[in-house]
Amino acid sequence: MSNKALTAGAEHISQQLIHHLNKNNIPFEHVSWTNGKHHYVLTVKTPFGTRFARFAPINLLEQQDPMTQHVNSFVINELINKLKNLKG
């Protein structure tokens, strides 16, 4: 796996997430990625709490694939829903 490709994939997913955060009026302080044991973990820190989502390496590397796009959208939407619930 190329670190450059993984970084590009993470940046693309981060941009999508930030778009949805802004669209849903969810303020955030920090968006970050960490490398877990088997997954990459996307963390969103907000004034009202922190939530995260796990992505497999293929989710970062194969973003042109329609199924991967669908899965990534689902994971991002679930993260947004968690943050909406936290916000209250």
N, C-alpha and C. Protein backbone atom coordinates (compact mmCIF):
# COMPACT_ATOMS: atom_id res chain seq x y z
N MET A 1 0.83 -1.18 0.00
CA MET A 1 0.00 0.00 0.00
C MET A 1 0.88 1.24 0.00
N SER A 2 0.52 2.15 -0.83
CA SER A 2 1.26 3.40 -0.93
C SER A 2 0.76 4.41 0.09
N ASN A 3 1.70 4.96 0.86
CA ASN A 3 1.31 5.98 1.84
C ASN A 3 0.70 7.19 1.16
N LYS A 4 1.20 7.51 -0.03
CA LYS A 4 0.68 8.66 -0.78
C LYS A 4 -0.79 8.42 -1.16
N ALA A 5 -1.10 7.22 -1.62
CA ALA A 5 -2.47 6.88 -1.99
C ALA A 5 -3.39 6.87 -0.77
N LEU A 6 -2.90 6.32 0.34
CA LEU A 6 -3.70 6.31 1.57
C LEU A 6 -3.97 7.73 2.06
N THR A 7 -2.96 8.58 1.99
CA THR A 7 -3.12 9.97 2.42
C THR A 7 -4.13 10.69 1.53
N ALA A 8 -4.04 10.47 0.22
CA ALA A 8 -4.99 11.10 -0.70
C ALA A 8 -6.41 10.62 -0.42
N GLY A 9 -6.57 9.34 -0.15
CA GLY A 9 -7.89 8.81 0.18
C GLY A 9 -8.43 9.39 1.46
N ALA A 10 -7.58 9.50 2.47
CA ALA A 10 -8.00 10.07 3.76
C ALA A 10 -8.40 11.54 3.58
N GLU A 11 -7.66 12.28 2.79
CA GLU A 11 -8.00 13.69 2.55
C GLU A 11 -9.34 13.81 1.85
N HIS A 12 -9.60 12.93 0.88
CA HIS A 12 -10.87 12.97 0.15
C HIS A 12 -12.05 12.68 1.10
N ILE A 13 -11.90 11.66 1.94
CA ILE A 13 -12.96 11.33 2.89
C ILE A 13 -13.15 12.47 3.89
N SER A 14 -12.05 13.07 4.33
CA SER A 14 -12.13 14.21 5.27
C SER A 14 -12.89 15.36 4.65
N GLN A 15 -12.65 15.64 3.38
CA GLN A 15 -13.36 16.72 2.70
C GLN A 15 -14.85 16.43 2.63
N GLN A 16 -15.20 15.18 2.33
CA GLN A 16 -16.61 14.80 2.30
C GLN A 16 -17.24 14.99 3.68
N LEU A 17 -16.54 14.55 4.71
CA LEU A 17 -17.05 14.68 6.07
C LEU A 17 -17.25 16.14 6.45
N ILE A 18 -16.28 16.98 6.18
CA ILE A 18 -16.38 18.40 6.52
C ILE A 18 -17.54 19.04 5.78
N HIS A 19 -17.75 18.66 4.52
CA HIS A 19 -18.91 19.16 3.77
C HIS A 19 -20.21 18.82 4.50
N HIS A 20 -20.34 17.57 4.95
CA HIS A 20 -21.55 17.14 5.65
C HIS A 20 -21.68 17.80 7.02
N LEU A 21 -20.56 18.00 7.72
CA LEU A 21 -20.62 18.69 9.00
C LEU A 21 -21.15 20.10 8.82
N ASN A 22 -20.62 20.81 7.84
CA ASN A 22 -21.07 22.18 7.57
C ASN A 22 -22.53 22.21 7.11
N LYS A 23 -22.91 21.26 6.26
CA LYS A 23 -24.28 21.19 5.75
C LYS A 23 -25.28 20.97 6.88
N ASN A 24 -24.87 20.22 7.90
CA ASN A 24 -25.75 19.91 9.03
C ASN A 24 -25.54 20.83 10.22
N ASN A 25 -24.79 21.91 10.02
CA ASN A 25 -24.52 22.89 11.08
C ASN A 25 -23.97 22.25 12.35
N ILE A 26 -23.02 21.35 12.16
CA ILE A 26 -22.37 20.70 13.29
C ILE A 26 -20.98 21.32 13.44
N PRO A 27 -20.78 22.12 14.49
CA PRO A 27 -19.45 22.72 14.69
C PRO A 27 -18.44 21.64 15.09
N PHE A 28 -17.22 21.80 14.62
CA PHE A 28 -16.18 20.83 14.99
C PHE A 28 -14.89 21.56 15.26
N GLU A 29 -14.10 20.97 16.13
CA GLU A 29 -12.82 21.55 16.51
C GLU A 29 -11.68 20.89 15.77
N HIS A 30 -11.80 19.58 15.50
CA HIS A 30 -10.67 18.86 14.94
C HIS A 30 -11.15 17.59 14.24
N VAL A 31 -10.59 17.33 13.06
CA VAL A 31 -10.80 16.07 12.34
C VAL A 31 -9.43 15.45 12.16
N SER A 32 -9.28 14.20 12.57
CA SER A 32 -7.96 13.56 12.46
C SER A 32 -8.08 12.09 12.11
N TRP A 33 -6.97 11.53 11.63
CA TRP A 33 -6.88 10.12 11.28
C TRP A 33 -5.80 9.47 12.12
N THR A 34 -6.04 8.24 12.54
CA THR A 34 -5.01 7.44 13.18
C THR A 34 -5.03 6.05 12.55
N ASN A 35 -3.89 5.42 12.59
CA ASN A 35 -3.76 4.09 12.03
C ASN A 35 -3.99 3.08 13.14
N GLY A 36 -5.11 2.38 13.06
CA GLY A 36 -5.41 1.34 14.04
C GLY A 36 -4.76 0.03 13.65
N LYS A 37 -5.05 -1.01 14.38
CA LYS A 37 -4.45 -2.31 14.12
C LYS A 37 -4.86 -2.87 12.75
N HIS A 38 -6.15 -2.77 12.44
CA HIS A 38 -6.65 -3.29 11.16
C HIS A 38 -7.42 -2.24 10.36
N HIS A 39 -7.64 -1.09 10.94
CA HIS A 39 -8.43 -0.05 10.30
C HIS A 39 -7.76 1.30 10.47
N TYR A 40 -8.23 2.24 9.67
CA TYR A 40 -7.86 3.63 9.84
C TYR A 40 -9.05 4.29 10.55
N VAL A 41 -8.76 5.07 11.56
CA VAL A 41 -9.81 5.63 12.40
C VAL A 41 -9.90 7.13 12.16
N LEU A 42 -11.09 7.57 11.77
CA LEU A 42 -11.38 8.98 11.56
C LEU A 42 -12.07 9.49 12.82
N THR A 43 -11.49 10.52 13.43
CA THR A 43 -12.01 11.07 14.68
C THR A 43 -12.46 12.51 14.47
N VAL A 44 -13.64 12.82 14.99
CA VAL A 44 -14.17 14.18 14.92
C VAL A 44 -14.39 14.67 16.34
N LYS A 45 -13.70 15.75 16.67
CA LYS A 45 -13.85 16.36 17.99
C LYS A 45 -14.74 17.59 17.84
N THR A 46 -15.81 17.64 18.64
CA THR A 46 -16.75 18.76 18.62
C THR A 46 -16.82 19.37 20.01
N PRO A 47 -17.44 20.53 20.14
CA PRO A 47 -17.59 21.13 21.47
C PRO A 47 -18.43 20.28 22.42
N PHE A 48 -19.24 19.37 21.88
CA PHE A 48 -20.14 18.57 22.71
C PHE A 48 -19.74 17.11 22.79
N GLY A 49 -18.57 16.74 22.27
CA GLY A 49 -18.09 15.37 22.37
C GLY A 49 -17.29 14.94 21.16
N THR A 50 -16.74 13.74 21.25
CA THR A 50 -15.90 13.19 20.19
C THR A 50 -16.48 11.86 19.73
N ARG A 51 -16.50 11.66 18.44
CA ARG A 51 -16.95 10.39 17.86
C ARG A 51 -15.96 9.98 16.77
N PHE A 52 -16.01 8.69 16.43
CA PHE A 52 -15.07 8.19 15.43
C PHE A 52 -15.75 7.17 14.52
N ALA A 53 -15.08 6.89 13.40
CA ALA A 53 -15.53 5.87 12.45
C ALA A 53 -14.30 5.12 11.95
N ARG A 54 -14.47 3.84 11.68
CA ARG A 54 -13.37 3.01 11.17
C ARG A 54 -13.52 2.80 9.67
N PHE A 55 -12.38 2.87 9.00
CA PHE A 55 -12.34 2.61 7.56
C PHE A 55 -11.25 1.58 7.28
N ALA A 56 -11.57 0.61 6.45
CA ALA A 56 -10.56 -0.37 6.02
C ALA A 56 -9.66 0.31 4.98
N PRO A 57 -8.45 -0.19 4.79
CA PRO A 57 -7.56 0.40 3.79
C PRO A 57 -8.19 0.50 2.40
N ILE A 58 -8.98 -0.50 2.02
CA ILE A 58 -9.61 -0.46 0.70
C ILE A 58 -10.55 0.73 0.55
N ASN A 59 -11.16 1.17 1.66
CA ASN A 59 -12.04 2.34 1.62
C ASN A 59 -11.27 3.60 1.24
N LEU A 60 -10.00 3.64 1.57
CA LEU A 60 -9.17 4.79 1.24
C LEU A 60 -8.57 4.66 -0.15
N LEU A 61 -8.27 3.43 -0.57
CA LEU A 61 -7.54 3.21 -1.81
C LEU A 61 -8.42 3.06 -3.04
N GLU A 62 -9.62 2.56 -2.90
CA GLU A 62 -10.48 2.24 -4.05
C GLU A 62 -11.68 3.17 -4.15
N GLN A 63 -11.48 4.47 -4.03
CA GLN A 63 -12.60 5.40 -3.97
C GLN A 63 -13.30 5.63 -5.31
N GLN A 64 -12.75 5.11 -6.38
CA GLN A 64 -13.43 5.23 -7.68
C GLN A 64 -14.46 4.12 -7.86
N ASP A 65 -14.38 3.07 -7.06
CA ASP A 65 -15.29 1.95 -7.15
C ASP A 65 -16.65 2.34 -6.58
N PRO A 66 -17.74 2.11 -7.33
CA PRO A 66 -19.08 2.51 -6.85
C PRO A 66 -19.46 1.88 -5.51
N MET A 67 -19.09 0.63 -5.27
CA MET A 67 -19.43 -0.01 -4.00
C MET A 67 -18.67 0.67 -2.85
N THR A 68 -17.41 0.99 -3.07
CA THR A 68 -16.63 1.67 -2.04
C THR A 68 -17.22 3.05 -1.76
N GLN A 69 -17.64 3.75 -2.79
CA GLN A 69 -18.27 5.06 -2.61
C GLN A 69 -19.53 4.93 -1.77
N HIS A 70 -20.31 3.90 -2.03
CA HIS A 70 -21.54 3.65 -1.28
C HIS A 70 -21.23 3.37 0.20
N VAL A 71 -20.26 2.51 0.44
CA VAL A 71 -19.88 2.16 1.81
C VAL A 71 -19.34 3.39 2.53
N ASN A 72 -18.48 4.16 1.88
CA ASN A 72 -17.92 5.36 2.51
C ASN A 72 -19.02 6.36 2.85
N SER A 73 -19.96 6.54 1.94
CA SER A 73 -21.09 7.46 2.21
C SER A 73 -21.89 6.98 3.41
N PHE A 74 -22.13 5.68 3.49
CA PHE A 74 -22.87 5.13 4.62
C PHE A 74 -22.13 5.40 5.93
N VAL A 75 -20.82 5.13 5.96
CA VAL A 75 -20.04 5.32 7.19
C VAL A 75 -20.02 6.80 7.59
N ILE A 76 -19.85 7.68 6.62
CA ILE A 76 -19.86 9.12 6.91
C ILE A 76 -21.22 9.55 7.44
N ASN A 77 -22.30 9.09 6.83
CA ASN A 77 -23.65 9.44 7.30
C ASN A 77 -23.91 8.92 8.71
N GLU A 78 -23.42 7.73 9.02
CA GLU A 78 -23.58 7.20 10.37
C GLU A 78 -22.82 8.05 11.38
N LEU A 79 -21.63 8.51 11.01
CA LEU A 79 -20.85 9.38 11.89
C LEU A 79 -21.57 10.71 12.10
N ILE A 80 -22.13 11.25 11.04
CA ILE A 80 -22.91 12.50 11.14
C ILE A 80 -24.10 12.30 12.07
N ASN A 81 -24.78 11.17 11.95
CA ASN A 81 -25.93 10.89 12.82
C ASN A 81 -25.51 10.79 14.28
N LYS A 82 -24.36 10.16 14.55
CA LYS A 82 -23.86 10.07 15.92
C LYS A 82 -23.61 11.48 16.47
N LEU A 83 -23.04 12.33 15.64
CA LEU A 83 -22.73 13.69 16.08
C LEU A 83 -24.00 14.52 16.28
N LYS A 84 -25.00 14.31 15.42
CA LYS A 84 -26.30 15.01 15.60
C LYS A 84 -26.92 14.61 16.93
N ASN A 85 -26.85 13.33 17.27
CA ASN A 85 -27.42 12.85 18.53
C ASN A 85 -26.68 13.44 19.72
N LEU A 86 -25.36 13.57 19.59
CA LEU A 86 -24.57 14.19 20.66
C LEU A 86 -24.95 15.65 20.86
N LYS A 87 -25.15 16.32 19.73
CA LYS A 87 -25.47 17.74 19.75
C LYS A 87 -26.81 17.99 20.43
N GLY A 88 -27.73 17.06 20.18
CA GLY A 88 -29.04 17.15 20.82
C GLY A 88 -29.91 18.07 20.17
